[in-house]
Protein backbone atom coordinates (compact mmCIF):
# COMPACT_ATOMS: atom_id res chain seq x y z
CA UNK A 1 9.90 -15.86 19.83
CA UNK A 2 12.09 -15.44 16.77
CA UNK A 3 11.02 -12.50 14.60
CA UNK A 4 12.74 -13.96 11.54
CA UNK A 5 10.52 -17.04 11.83
CA UNK A 6 7.40 -14.92 12.24
CA UNK A 7 8.31 -12.64 9.33
CA UNK A 8 8.31 -15.59 6.92
CA UNK A 9 4.80 -16.63 7.98
CA UNK A 10 1.42 -15.60 6.66
CA UNK A 11 0.46 -14.25 3.26
CA UNK A 12 2.62 -14.12 0.15
CA UNK A 13 2.97 -10.79 -1.64
CA UNK A 14 0.28 -11.85 -4.09
CA UNK A 15 -2.06 -12.75 -1.24
CA UNK A 16 -1.43 -9.39 0.42
CA UNK A 17 -2.39 -7.72 -2.87
CA UNK A 18 -5.55 -9.80 -2.96
CA UNK A 19 -6.46 -8.60 0.54
CA UNK A 20 -6.01 -4.99 -0.57
CA UNK A 21 -8.08 -5.42 -3.72
CA UNK A 22 -10.88 -7.02 -1.74
CA UNK A 23 -11.25 -3.87 0.36
CA UNK A 24 -11.51 -1.40 -2.53
CA UNK A 25 -15.04 -0.41 -3.49
CA UNK A 26 -16.43 -0.94 -6.98
CA UNK A 27 -15.91 2.03 -9.28
CA UNK A 28 -13.07 3.53 -7.26
CA UNK A 29 -10.41 5.71 -8.83
CA UNK A 30 -7.17 4.10 -7.68
CA UNK A 31 -3.49 5.03 -7.78
CA UNK A 32 -0.96 2.24 -7.21
CA UNK A 33 2.54 3.00 -5.96
CA UNK A 34 5.73 1.50 -7.35
CA UNK A 35 6.67 -2.05 -6.36
CA UNK A 36 4.40 -4.34 -4.35
CA UNK A 37 1.30 -2.12 -4.75
CA UNK A 38 1.36 -2.70 -8.51
CA UNK A 39 0.27 -6.30 -7.85
CA UNK A 40 -3.16 -5.12 -6.70
CA UNK A 41 -4.26 -4.67 -10.32
CA UNK A 42 -4.10 -8.46 -10.81
CA UNK A 43 -6.69 -9.22 -8.14
CA UNK A 44 -9.77 -7.13 -8.87
CA UNK A 45 -12.71 -9.13 -7.46
CA UNK A 46 -15.31 -10.44 -9.89
CA UNK A 47 -18.06 -7.92 -10.50
CA UNK A 48 -15.94 -4.89 -9.58
CA UNK A 49 -14.15 -2.33 -11.70
CA UNK A 50 -11.31 -0.05 -10.60
CA UNK A 51 -10.21 2.91 -12.72
CA UNK A 52 -6.45 3.24 -12.40
CA UNK A 53 -4.72 6.61 -12.39
CA UNK A 54 -0.99 7.13 -12.83
CA UNK A 55 0.80 10.40 -12.11
CA UNK A 56 2.49 10.60 -15.50
CA UNK A 57 -0.84 11.35 -17.17
CA UNK A 58 -3.08 8.32 -17.74
CA UNK A 59 -6.54 7.46 -16.45
CA UNK A 60 -7.77 4.00 -17.42
CA UNK A 61 -4.50 2.10 -17.09
CA UNK A 62 -4.69 -1.59 -17.87
CA UNK A 63 -2.46 -4.49 -16.90
CA UNK A 64 0.96 -5.59 -18.08
CA UNK A 65 1.12 -6.17 -21.86
CA UNK A 66 1.80 -9.61 -23.26
CA UNK A 67 5.22 -10.42 -24.63
CA UNK A 68 5.69 -8.80 -28.03
CA UNK A 69 2.84 -6.35 -27.49
CA UNK A 70 4.72 -3.65 -25.57
CA UNK A 71 4.02 -0.07 -26.65
CA UNK A 72 6.99 2.05 -25.57
CA UNK A 73 4.73 5.10 -25.27
CA UNK A 74 2.58 3.39 -22.62
CA UNK A 75 4.27 3.29 -19.22
CA UNK A 76 3.25 3.88 -15.63
CA UNK A 77 4.92 6.19 -13.11
CA UNK A 78 7.47 3.47 -12.39
CA UNK A 79 8.46 3.36 -16.09
CA UNK A 80 6.97 -0.12 -16.51
CA UNK A 81 5.00 -1.03 -19.67
CA UNK A 82 1.22 -1.00 -19.27
CA UNK A 83 -1.87 -1.27 -21.42
CA UNK A 84 -4.97 0.90 -21.57
CA UNK A 85 -8.64 0.01 -21.22
CA UNK A 86 -11.48 1.28 -23.44
CA UNK A 87 -12.24 4.89 -22.58
CA UNK A 88 -8.77 5.65 -21.23
CA UNK A 89 -7.56 9.23 -21.42
CA UNK A 90 -4.18 10.96 -21.52
CA UNK A 91 -3.39 14.38 -20.10
CA UNK A 92 -0.66 16.76 -19.01
CA UNK A 93 1.40 15.96 -15.94
CA UNK A 94 0.04 19.09 -14.24
CA UNK A 95 -3.54 17.97 -14.88
CA UNK A 96 -2.72 14.58 -13.39
CA UNK A 97 -1.53 16.18 -10.17
CA UNK A 98 -4.54 18.50 -10.17
CA UNK A 99 -6.69 15.34 -9.98
CA UNK A 100 -4.66 14.15 -7.00
CA UNK A 101 -4.51 17.49 -5.17
CA UNK A 102 -8.15 18.18 -5.90
CA UNK A 103 -9.30 15.07 -4.03
CA UNK A 104 -10.55 13.22 -7.11
CA UNK A 105 -8.70 9.93 -6.44
CA UNK A 106 -10.46 7.59 -4.01
CA UNK A 107 -7.68 5.21 -2.96
CA UNK A 108 -3.92 5.04 -3.22
CA UNK A 109 -1.83 2.02 -2.28
CA UNK A 110 1.76 2.77 -1.32
CA UNK A 111 4.79 0.91 -0.05
CA UNK A 112 6.47 1.94 3.18
CA UNK A 113 9.73 1.99 5.03
CA UNK A 114 7.93 2.87 8.26
CA UNK A 115 4.38 3.54 9.45
CA UNK A 116 3.83 5.10 12.88
CA UNK A 117 0.92 4.28 15.13
CA UNK A 118 -0.56 7.76 14.53
CA UNK A 119 -0.59 7.20 10.74
CA UNK A 120 2.66 8.97 9.87
CA UNK A 121 4.22 7.51 6.72
CA UNK A 122 7.86 7.33 5.65
CA UNK A 123 8.25 5.67 2.27
CA UNK A 124 11.46 7.14 0.86
CA UNK A 125 15.08 7.63 1.86
CA UNK A 126 18.29 8.88 0.33
CA UNK A 127 20.43 6.75 2.62
CA UNK A 128 19.08 3.20 2.30
CA UNK A 129 20.37 0.69 -0.28
CA UNK A 130 17.89 0.07 -3.11
CA UNK A 131 15.58 2.83 -1.85
CA UNK A 132 13.91 5.18 -4.31
CA UNK A 133 16.13 8.31 -3.98
CA UNK A 134 13.26 10.77 -4.17
CA UNK A 135 9.73 11.02 -2.80
CA UNK A 136 8.12 11.38 -6.25
CA UNK A 137 4.37 11.99 -6.15
CA UNK A 138 3.80 10.27 -2.81
CA UNK A 139 3.54 13.50 -0.83
CA UNK A 140 0.83 14.76 -3.14
CA UNK A 141 -0.98 11.42 -3.02
CA UNK A 142 -1.13 11.15 0.76
CA UNK A 143 -2.26 14.77 1.03
CA UNK A 144 -4.96 14.60 -1.63
CA UNK A 145 -6.29 11.04 -1.90
CA UNK A 146 -9.32 10.14 0.21
CA UNK A 147 -8.05 6.78 1.52
CA UNK A 148 -4.42 5.72 1.93
CA UNK A 149 -3.53 2.03 2.16
CA UNK A 150 0.01 0.80 2.80
CA UNK A 151 1.21 -2.58 1.53
CA UNK A 152 4.48 -3.89 2.95
CA UNK A 153 6.30 -6.75 4.63
CA UNK A 154 5.79 -6.58 8.38
CA UNK A 155 9.51 -6.26 9.17
CA UNK A 156 12.60 -5.45 7.13
CA UNK A 157 14.96 -8.04 5.70
CA UNK A 158 17.29 -7.48 8.65
CA UNK A 159 14.36 -7.84 11.10
CA UNK A 160 13.83 -4.20 11.99
CA UNK A 161 10.34 -2.98 12.81
CA UNK A 162 8.42 -1.22 10.06
CA UNK A 163 5.32 -0.52 12.17
CA UNK A 164 6.60 1.75 14.92
CA UNK A 165 5.68 4.32 17.57
CA UNK A 166 7.46 7.12 15.71
CA UNK A 167 9.05 7.22 12.25
CA UNK A 168 12.80 7.77 12.18
CA UNK A 169 12.92 8.40 8.43
CA UNK A 170 11.80 11.65 6.75
CA UNK A 171 8.02 11.78 6.61
CA UNK A 172 6.05 11.49 3.41
CA UNK A 173 2.97 12.61 5.27
CA UNK A 174 1.76 13.13 8.84
CA UNK A 175 -1.23 11.14 10.09
CA UNK A 176 -2.20 10.02 6.59
CA UNK A 177 -2.35 6.20 6.64
CA UNK A 178 -5.74 4.54 7.07
CA UNK A 179 -4.80 0.85 6.91
CA UNK A 180 -1.66 -1.30 6.66
CA UNK A 181 -1.50 -4.65 4.86
CA UNK A 182 1.42 -6.94 5.69
CA UNK A 183 2.28 -10.61 5.36
CA UNK A 184 1.10 -11.11 8.96
CA UNK A 185 -2.04 -9.03 9.30
CA UNK A 186 -4.28 -6.19 8.21
CA UNK A 187 -4.02 -3.36 10.73
CA UNK A 188 -6.16 -0.23 10.89
CA UNK A 189 -4.75 3.10 12.05
CA UNK A 190 -7.17 4.59 14.59
CA UNK A 191 -7.29 7.26 17.28
CA UNK A 192 -6.06 4.56 19.68
CA UNK A 193 -3.17 3.58 17.42
CA UNK A 194 -2.74 0.29 15.57
CA UNK A 195 -5.93 -1.79 15.65
CA UNK A 196 -5.90 -5.40 14.46
CA UNK A 197 -8.38 -5.92 11.63
CA UNK A 198 -7.56 -9.50 10.54
CA UNK A 199 -4.80 -12.05 10.80
CA UNK A 200 -3.12 -14.05 8.06
CA UNK A 201 -3.76 -17.81 8.29
CA UNK A 202 -1.55 -19.49 10.88
CA UNK A 203 -0.49 -16.20 12.49
CA UNK A 204 -1.44 -15.30 16.06
CA UNK A 205 -2.01 -11.96 17.71
CA UNK A 206 1.03 -12.55 19.90
CA UNK A 207 3.23 -13.04 16.84
CA UNK A 208 1.99 -9.78 15.34
CA UNK A 209 2.76 -7.97 18.58
CA UNK A 210 6.26 -9.49 18.65
CA UNK A 211 6.95 -8.18 15.14
CA UNK A 212 5.52 -4.70 15.75
CA UNK A 213 7.36 -1.77 17.33
CA UNK A 214 4.22 -0.32 18.90
CA UNK A 215 1.12 -1.54 20.74
CA UNK A 216 -1.38 -3.44 18.60
CA UNK A 217 -4.90 -3.13 19.99
CA UNK A 218 -7.80 -5.52 19.50
CA UNK A 219 -11.28 -4.21 18.88
CA UNK A 220 -14.44 -6.21 18.36
CA UNK A 221 -13.01 -8.22 15.48
CA UNK A 222 -14.18 -11.83 15.67
CA UNK A 223 -12.19 -14.97 15.04
CA UNK A 224 -8.78 -13.62 16.09
CA UNK A 225 -6.49 -16.20 17.65
CA UNK A 226 -5.22 -14.59 20.84
CA UNK A 227 -4.62 -15.40 24.47
CA UNK A 228 -4.59 -11.74 25.47
């Protein structure tokens, strides 16, 4: 089986974001990491409301402003223009991190370079091209937020595993990831390791295993296409 063929299958980035948004409870306080996770804000299910927090001091962040309506004083932690929703509040950077460290944020969605089967997360590097050259607030987020979701492509552009037995990059946090969303599948991190939650359309269990650098277990999930 060719991993490069498998890696192009399944969900688009937007569809991955939609999967993530569908699993966040109504009324949750949510922090979105830089990059792919920012797309989650576009797919809030009907009838639900998420209150977005950003580390640079805003609670009640809205979506991307329309052309010509950018306020240069309104940016997220990734320095991208945002809007605010009614009731939004601004506060000191230290207060923002006190919310995170105090356990007041329900969900954070982060990108990843690697996720280990025990939930270890590596999402920064000083040696990779195009990588963010500092960990930023991610260490605080994974230590203080109640639920940590990772959103990423299943393998790298050069077909290296991103879901692995052990992380080879510096850790952002140890045993912190609850669930991983990729273009191929949604995978829970459990005491047994990686546990398949659901498959993207047209993707089989065997293909997920081929593209994963650790064992992927199957629980009682129904409707999974597998010959195992």
